[in-house]
Amino acid sequence: MPFLFHQTKFLTAQIDDYLDTLSEGMIVFSCAVADYVHGEDQRFQERVKSEGALEHKCDDLRRMIERHLYSHSLIPESRGDVLGLLENLDDVINTAKASLLSMDIERPAILPENKEVWIELATTASNTAESVVLAARAFFRDPHSVSDHLHKVYFHEKEGDHVAEALKRRIFAADIELARKMHLCDCARRIDNVSDAAEDVADRLSIYAIKRTV
């Protein structure tokens, strides 16, 4: 099946730009968490600002795509699915941005012995989101191949659940006050929420892809 938006090169370019921006946001997200964990505060601050700029760019591109779809009366039979997909993808980078902003404001005191687990959790969340970006690209170009990417989304999401659980267990086993334990677990949950947001997109994509291939 040809590209969903084969009618217009402009819309094709906008969709690609949107997905590229979202993908970059996920890389910045995982790098930001690693910078924070390693005490690289200046680089962390730069990453937080970059994440905000990328999230804003995604919003602008999504609105531009929406306007173009309606003003040119394109794909009326699939328009609702496309708009819903874009809004759900927005939730992924919004969640990543909110997680970094909370970390910047709250400044959780990471236990030294758990540093690598925090980085692993953020990397797994980023991998989950990157896989859903690949699935979204496939939806627009070759919906029959969407399932080739969705299984990776679910794999990384489950891995994230395991890492998050392991981290929380290590936090609660530590000899620190309960309030700090709760704070650290809440921060870990917000990082893992990125994986959950990507999984929600995958669930929708699986349905949208079936509708395009029947």
C-alpha atoms as a PDB file:
ATOM      1  CA  MET A   1       0.000   0.000   0.000  1.00  0.00           C
ATOM      2  CA  PRO A   2       1.424   3.440  -0.857  1.00  0.00           C
ATOM      3  CA  PHE A   3       2.264   6.100   1.659  1.00  0.00           C
ATOM      4  CA  LEU A   4      -0.931   7.281   3.355  1.00  0.00           C
ATOM      5  CA  PHE A   5      -0.247  10.869   2.341  1.00  0.00           C
ATOM      6  CA  HIS A   6       0.998  10.244  -1.178  1.00  0.00           C
ATOM      7  CA  GLN A   7      -1.264  13.127  -2.296  1.00  0.00           C
ATOM      8  CA  THR A   8       1.071  15.756  -0.882  1.00  0.00           C
ATOM      9  CA  LYS A   9       4.820  15.945  -0.396  1.00  0.00           C
ATOM     10  CA  PHE A  10       4.347  18.717   2.158  1.00  0.00           C
ATOM     11  CA  LEU A  11       2.367  16.512   4.526  1.00  0.00           C
ATOM     12  CA  THR A  12       4.797  13.651   4.024  1.00  0.00           C
ATOM     13  CA  ALA A  13       7.645  15.931   5.079  1.00  0.00           C
ATOM     14  CA  GLN A  14       5.721  17.202   8.105  1.00  0.00           C
ATOM     15  CA  ILE A  15       4.953  13.697   9.331  1.00  0.00           C
ATOM     16  CA  ASP A  16       8.610  12.708   8.966  1.00  0.00           C
ATOM     17  CA  ASP A  17       9.726  15.865  10.768  1.00  0.00           C
ATOM     18  CA  TYR A  18       7.275  15.191  13.584  1.00  0.00           C
ATOM     19  CA  LEU A  19       8.480  11.624  14.100  1.00  0.00           C
ATOM     20  CA  ASP A  20      12.136  12.693  13.851  1.00  0.00           C
ATOM     21  CA  THR A  21      11.543  15.319  16.526  1.00  0.00           C
ATOM     22  CA  LEU A  22       9.806  12.852  18.806  1.00  0.00           C
ATOM     23  CA  SER A  23      12.642  10.364  18.347  1.00  0.00           C
ATOM     24  CA  GLU A  24      15.215  13.038  19.195  1.00  0.00           C
ATOM     25  CA  GLY A  25      13.213  13.907  22.294  1.00  0.00           C
ATOM     26  CA  MET A  26      13.521  10.339  23.523  1.00  0.00           C
ATOM     27  CA  ILE A  27      17.292  10.364  23.065  1.00  0.00           C
ATOM     28  CA  VAL A  28      17.551  13.655  24.946  1.00  0.00           C
ATOM     29  CA  PHE A  29      15.357  12.235  27.711  1.00  0.00           C
ATOM     30  CA  SER A  30      17.568   9.241  28.421  1.00  0.00           C
ATOM     31  CA  CYS A  31      20.730  11.350  28.197  1.00  0.00           C
ATOM     32  CA  ALA A  32      19.255  13.885  30.629  1.00  0.00           C
ATOM     33  CA  VAL A  33      18.544  11.223  33.247  1.00  0.00           C
ATOM     34  CA  ALA A  34      22.085   9.885  32.873  1.00  0.00           C
ATOM     35  CA  ASP A  35      23.503  13.400  33.261  1.00  0.00           C
ATOM     36  CA  TYR A  36      21.469  13.983  36.407  1.00  0.00           C
ATOM     37  CA  VAL A  37      22.484  10.657  37.931  1.00  0.00           C
ATOM     38  CA  HIS A  38      26.167  11.381  37.271  1.00  0.00           C
ATOM     39  CA  GLY A  39      25.915  14.897  38.716  1.00  0.00           C
ATOM     40  CA  GLU A  40      26.440  16.669  35.379  1.00  0.00           C
ATOM     41  CA  ASP A  41      24.107  19.496  36.329  1.00  0.00           C
ATOM     42  CA  GLN A  42      24.952  21.945  33.551  1.00  0.00           C
ATOM     43  CA  ARG A  43      24.439  19.326  30.869  1.00  0.00           C
ATOM     44  CA  PHE A  44      21.254  18.188  32.599  1.00  0.00           C
ATOM     45  CA  GLN A  45      19.894  21.742  32.524  1.00  0.00           C
ATOM     46  CA  GLU A  46      20.699  21.980  28.817  1.00  0.00           C
ATOM     47  CA  ARG A  47      18.910  18.693  28.168  1.00  0.00           C
ATOM     48  CA  VAL A  48      15.819  19.883  30.061  1.00  0.00           C
ATOM     49  CA  LYS A  49      15.674  23.017  27.923  1.00  0.00           C
ATOM     50  CA  SER A  50      16.224  20.980  24.764  1.00  0.00           C
ATOM     51  CA  GLU A  51      13.426  18.585  25.723  1.00  0.00           C
ATOM     52  CA  GLY A  52      11.072  21.509  26.227  1.00  0.00           C
ATOM     53  CA  ALA A  53      11.980  22.930  22.813  1.00  0.00           C
ATOM     54  CA  LEU A  54      11.459  19.563  21.117  1.00  0.00           C
ATOM     55  CA  GLU A  55       8.087  19.100  22.829  1.00  0.00           C
ATOM     56  CA  HIS A  56       7.049  22.565  21.657  1.00  0.00           C
ATOM     57  CA  LYS A  57       8.159  21.742  18.111  1.00  0.00           C
ATOM     58  CA  CYS A  58       6.098  18.540  18.179  1.00  0.00           C
ATOM     59  CA  ASP A  59       3.046  20.565  19.220  1.00  0.00           C
ATOM     60  CA  ASP A  60       3.578  23.037  16.387  1.00  0.00           C
ATOM     61  CA  LEU A  61       4.046  20.277  13.812  1.00  0.00           C
ATOM     62  CA  ARG A  62       0.983  18.399  15.032  1.00  0.00           C
ATOM     63  CA  ARG A  63      -1.179  21.514  14.714  1.00  0.00           C
ATOM     64  CA  MET A  64       0.219  22.190  11.248  1.00  0.00           C
ATOM     65  CA  ILE A  65      -0.558  18.646  10.149  1.00  0.00           C
ATOM     66  CA  GLU A  66      -4.063  18.872  11.571  1.00  0.00           C
ATOM     67  CA  ARG A  67      -4.759  22.152   9.768  1.00  0.00           C
ATOM     68  CA  HIS A  68      -3.428  20.747   6.504  1.00  0.00           C
ATOM     69  CA  LEU A  69      -5.584  17.636   6.777  1.00  0.00           C
ATOM     70  CA  TYR A  70      -8.741  19.668   7.242  1.00  0.00           C
ATOM     71  CA  SER A  71      -8.012  22.568   4.901  1.00  0.00           C
ATOM     72  CA  HIS A  72      -7.240  20.217   2.012  1.00  0.00           C
ATOM     73  CA  SER A  73      -9.921  17.652   2.887  1.00  0.00           C
ATOM     74  CA  LEU A  74      -7.389  14.828   2.877  1.00  0.00           C
ATOM     75  CA  ILE A  75      -8.062  11.160   3.789  1.00  0.00           C
ATOM     76  CA  PRO A  76     -11.485  11.739   5.411  1.00  0.00           C
ATOM     77  CA  GLU A  77     -11.814   7.986   5.992  1.00  0.00           C
ATOM     78  CA  SER A  78      -8.576   7.852   8.059  1.00  0.00           C
ATOM     79  CA  ARG A  79      -8.366  11.392   9.399  1.00  0.00           C
ATOM     80  CA  GLY A  80      -9.733  10.541  12.843  1.00  0.00           C
ATOM     81  CA  ASP A  81      -7.213   7.735  13.307  1.00  0.00           C
ATOM     82  CA  VAL A  82      -4.320   9.916  12.194  1.00  0.00           C
ATOM     83  CA  LEU A  83      -5.293  12.775  14.494  1.00  0.00           C
ATOM     84  CA  GLY A  84      -5.793  10.371  17.385  1.00  0.00           C
ATOM     85  CA  LEU A  85      -2.401   8.808  16.736  1.00  0.00           C
ATOM     86  CA  LEU A  86      -0.657  12.188  16.724  1.00  0.00           C
ATOM     87  CA  GLU A  87      -2.321  13.189  19.984  1.00  0.00           C
ATOM     88  CA  ASN A  88      -1.264   9.926  21.620  1.00  0.00           C
ATOM     89  CA  LEU A  89       2.289  10.328  20.354  1.00  0.00           C
ATOM     90  CA  ASP A  90       2.274  13.799  21.877  1.00  0.00           C
ATOM     91  CA  ASP A  91       1.550  12.180  25.245  1.00  0.00           C
ATOM     92  CA  VAL A  92       4.870  10.325  25.016  1.00  0.00           C
ATOM     93  CA  ILE A  93       7.079  13.396  24.720  1.00  0.00           C
ATOM     94  CA  ASN A  94       4.833  15.346  27.115  1.00  0.00           C
ATOM     95  CA  THR A  95       5.370  12.626  29.716  1.00  0.00           C
ATOM     96  CA  ALA A  96       9.129  12.670  29.135  1.00  0.00           C
ATOM     97  CA  LYS A  97       9.237  16.444  29.477  1.00  0.00           C
ATOM     98  CA  ALA A  98       7.152  16.364  32.675  1.00  0.00           C
ATOM     99  CA  SER A  99       9.420  13.696  34.154  1.00  0.00           C
ATOM    100  CA  LEU A 100      12.551  15.758  33.536  1.00  0.00           C
ATOM    101  CA  LEU A 101      10.911  18.932  34.819  1.00  0.00           C
ATOM    102  CA  SER A 102       9.884  17.177  38.043  1.00  0.00           C
ATOM    103  CA  MET A 103      13.416  15.874  38.461  1.00  0.00           C
ATOM    104  CA  ASP A 104      14.787  19.370  37.935  1.00  0.00           C
ATOM    105  CA  ILE A 105      12.416  20.888  40.492  1.00  0.00           C
ATOM    106  CA  GLU A 106      12.483  18.158  43.146  1.00  0.00           C
ATOM    107  CA  ARG A 107      16.154  17.188  42.874  1.00  0.00           C
ATOM    108  CA  PRO A 108      15.871  13.603  44.166  1.00  0.00           C
ATOM    109  CA  ALA A 109      18.966  12.415  46.034  1.00  0.00           C
ATOM    110  CA  ILE A 110      19.962   9.329  44.057  1.00  0.00           C
ATOM    111  CA  LEU A 111      21.597   6.551  46.053  1.00  0.00           C
ATOM    112  CA  PRO A 112      25.099   5.972  44.602  1.00  0.00           C
ATOM    113  CA  GLU A 113      24.661   2.198  44.501  1.00  0.00           C
ATOM    114  CA  ASN A 114      21.562   2.560  42.303  1.00  0.00           C
ATOM    115  CA  LYS A 115      22.902   4.952  39.663  1.00  0.00           C
ATOM    116  CA  GLU A 116      23.152   2.427  36.866  1.00  0.00           C
ATOM    117  CA  VAL A 117      19.639   1.127  37.522  1.00  0.00           C
ATOM    118  CA  TRP A 118      18.219   4.630  37.072  1.00  0.00           C
ATOM    119  CA  ILE A 119      20.043   4.929  33.765  1.00  0.00           C
ATOM    120  CA  GLU A 120      18.804   1.504  32.692  1.00  0.00           C
ATOM    121  CA  LEU A 121      15.221   2.515  33.513  1.00  0.00           C
ATOM    122  CA  ALA A 122      15.468   5.690  31.422  1.00  0.00           C
ATOM    123  CA  THR A 123      17.137   3.817  28.564  1.00  0.00           C
ATOM    124  CA  THR A 124      14.409   1.196  28.548  1.00  0.00           C
ATOM    125  CA  ALA A 125      11.740   3.902  28.492  1.00  0.00           C
ATOM    126  CA  SER A 126      13.524   5.579  25.593  1.00  0.00           C
ATOM    127  CA  ASN A 127      13.773   2.263  23.727  1.00  0.00           C
ATOM    128  CA  THR A 128      10.056   1.672  24.175  1.00  0.00           C
ATOM    129  CA  ALA A 129       9.259   5.087  22.740  1.00  0.00           C
ATOM    130  CA  GLU A 130      11.758   4.680  19.886  1.00  0.00           C
ATOM    131  CA  SER A 131      10.089   1.389  18.928  1.00  0.00           C
ATOM    132  CA  VAL A 132       6.663   3.013  18.820  1.00  0.00           C
ATOM    133  CA  VAL A 133       8.057   5.763  16.575  1.00  0.00           C
ATOM    134  CA  LEU A 134       9.210   3.058  14.157  1.00  0.00           C
ATOM    135  CA  ALA A 135       5.768   1.478  14.323  1.00  0.00           C
ATOM    136  CA  ALA A 136       4.172   4.851  13.554  1.00  0.00           C
ATOM    137  CA  ARG A 137       6.434   5.318  10.521  1.00  0.00           C
ATOM    138  CA  ALA A 138       5.361   1.907   9.297  1.00  0.00           C
ATOM    139  CA  PHE A 139       1.701   2.829   9.759  1.00  0.00           C
ATOM    140  CA  PHE A 140       2.038   5.675   7.289  1.00  0.00           C
ATOM    141  CA  ARG A 141       4.153   3.763   4.767  1.00  0.00           C
ATOM    142  CA  ASP A 142       3.434   0.049   5.077  1.00  0.00           C
ATOM    143  CA  PRO A 143       0.747  -0.847   7.630  1.00  0.00           C
ATOM    144  CA  HIS A 144       1.366  -4.558   7.073  1.00  0.00           C
ATOM    145  CA  SER A 145       4.746  -4.157   8.805  1.00  0.00           C
ATOM    146  CA  VAL A 146       3.440  -2.368  11.904  1.00  0.00           C
ATOM    147  CA  SER A 147       3.323  -5.602  13.910  1.00  0.00           C
ATOM    148  CA  ASP A 148       7.043  -6.093  13.200  1.00  0.00           C
ATOM    149  CA  HIS A 149       7.700  -3.127  15.459  1.00  0.00           C
ATOM    150  CA  LEU A 150       4.890  -3.405  17.992  1.00  0.00           C
ATOM    151  CA  HIS A 151       6.285  -6.553  19.587  1.00  0.00           C
ATOM    152  CA  LYS A 152       9.453  -4.574  20.388  1.00  0.00           C
ATOM    153  CA  VAL A 153       7.361  -1.894  22.091  1.00  0.00           C
ATOM    154  CA  TYR A 154       5.761  -4.489  24.349  1.00  0.00           C
ATOM    155  CA  PHE A 155       9.089  -6.190  25.014  1.00  0.00           C
ATOM    156  CA  HIS A 156      10.794  -2.977  26.131  1.00  0.00           C
ATOM    157  CA  GLU A 157       7.750  -1.926  28.174  1.00  0.00           C
ATOM    158  CA  LYS A 158       7.840  -5.198  30.118  1.00  0.00           C
ATOM    159  CA  GLU A 159      11.584  -4.816  30.618  1.00  0.00           C
ATOM    160  CA  GLY A 160      10.906  -1.348  32.001  1.00  0.00           C
ATOM    161  CA  ASP A 161       8.406  -2.776  34.473  1.00  0.00           C
ATOM    162  CA  HIS A 162      11.018  -5.262  35.690  1.00  0.00           C
ATOM    163  CA  VAL A 163      13.693  -2.596  36.048  1.00  0.00           C
ATOM    164  CA  ALA A 164      11.302  -0.231  37.841  1.00  0.00           C
ATOM    165  CA  GLU A 165      10.289  -2.959  40.276  1.00  0.00           C
ATOM    166  CA  ALA A 166      13.905  -3.873  40.954  1.00  0.00           C
ATOM    167  CA  LEU A 167      14.785  -0.233  41.557  1.00  0.00           C
ATOM    168  CA  LYS A 168      11.901   0.262  43.972  1.00  0.00           C
ATOM    169  CA  ARG A 169      12.877  -2.851  45.901  1.00  0.00           C
ATOM    170  CA  ARG A 170      16.439  -1.594  46.213  1.00  0.00           C
ATOM    171  CA  ILE A 171      15.205   1.809  47.354  1.00  0.00           C
ATOM    172  CA  PHE A 172      13.001   0.343  50.072  1.00  0.00           C
ATOM    173  CA  ALA A 173      15.766  -1.991  51.205  1.00  0.00           C
ATOM    174  CA  ALA A 174      18.074   0.981  51.778  1.00  0.00           C
ATOM    175  CA  ASP A 175      18.666   2.435  55.220  1.00  0.00           C
ATOM    176  CA  ILE A 176      17.114   5.839  54.566  1.00  0.00           C
ATOM    177  CA  GLU A 177      14.031   7.653  55.849  1.00  0.00           C
ATOM    178  CA  LEU A 178      10.641   6.628  54.502  1.00  0.00           C
ATOM    179  CA  ALA A 179       9.920  10.042  52.982  1.00  0.00           C
ATOM    180  CA  ARG A 180      13.045   9.795  50.837  1.00  0.00           C
ATOM    181  CA  LYS A 181      12.103   6.272  49.772  1.00  0.00           C
ATOM    182  CA  MET A 182       8.666   7.462  48.687  1.00  0.00           C
ATOM    183  CA  HIS A 183      10.152  10.421  46.834  1.00  0.00           C
ATOM    184  CA  LEU A 184      12.650   8.277  44.933  1.00  0.00           C
ATOM    185  CA  CYS A 185       9.983   5.726  44.001  1.00  0.00           C
ATOM    186  CA  ASP A 186       7.716   8.490  42.738  1.00  0.00           C
ATOM    187  CA  CYS A 187      10.525   9.792  40.517  1.00  0.00           C
ATOM    188  CA  ALA A 188      11.144   6.282  39.192  1.00  0.00           C
ATOM    189  CA  ARG A 189       7.444   5.907  38.434  1.00  0.00           C
ATOM    190  CA  ARG A 190       7.447   9.111  36.386  1.00  0.00           C
ATOM    191  CA  ILE A 191      10.336   7.828  34.266  1.00  0.00           C
ATOM    192  CA  ASP A 192       8.557   4.514  33.743  1.00  0.00           C
ATOM    193  CA  ASN A 193       5.408   6.412  32.723  1.00  0.00           C
ATOM    194  CA  VAL A 194       7.143   7.171  29.417  1.00  0.00           C
ATOM    195  CA  SER A 195       7.076   3.454  28.613  1.00  0.00           C
ATOM    196  CA  ASP A 196       3.409   3.272  29.587  1.00  0.00           C
ATOM    197  CA  ALA A 197       2.559   6.195  27.305  1.00  0.00           C
ATOM    198  CA  ALA A 198       4.367   4.493  24.418  1.00  0.00           C
ATOM    199  CA  GLU A 199       2.504   1.243  25.115  1.00  0.00           C
ATOM    200  CA  ASP A 200      -0.809   3.118  24.905  1.00  0.00           C
ATOM    201  CA  VAL A 201       0.189   4.345  21.441  1.00  0.00           C
ATOM    202  CA  ALA A 202       1.102   0.798  20.428  1.00  0.00           C
ATOM    203  CA  ASP A 203      -2.316  -0.474  21.493  1.00  0.00           C
ATOM    204  CA  ARG A 204      -4.010   2.110  19.288  1.00  0.00           C
ATOM    205  CA  LEU A 205      -1.618   1.523  16.401  1.00  0.00           C
ATOM    206  CA  SER A 206      -2.407  -2.172  16.327  1.00  0.00           C
ATOM    207  CA  ILE A 207      -6.085  -1.334  15.746  1.00  0.00           C
ATOM    208  CA  TYR A 208      -5.410   1.446  13.241  1.00  0.00           C
ATOM    209  CA  ALA A 209      -3.102  -0.825  11.230  1.00  0.00           C
ATOM    210  CA  ILE A 210      -5.734  -3.555  11.031  1.00  0.00           C
ATOM    211  CA  LYS A 211      -8.279  -1.023   9.765  1.00  0.00           C
ATOM    212  CA  ARG A 212      -5.888   0.016   6.996  1.00  0.00           C
ATOM    213  CA  THR A 213      -5.087  -3.504   5.879  1.00  0.00           C
ATOM    214  CA  VAL A 214      -8.543  -5.089   5.740  1.00  0.00           C
END
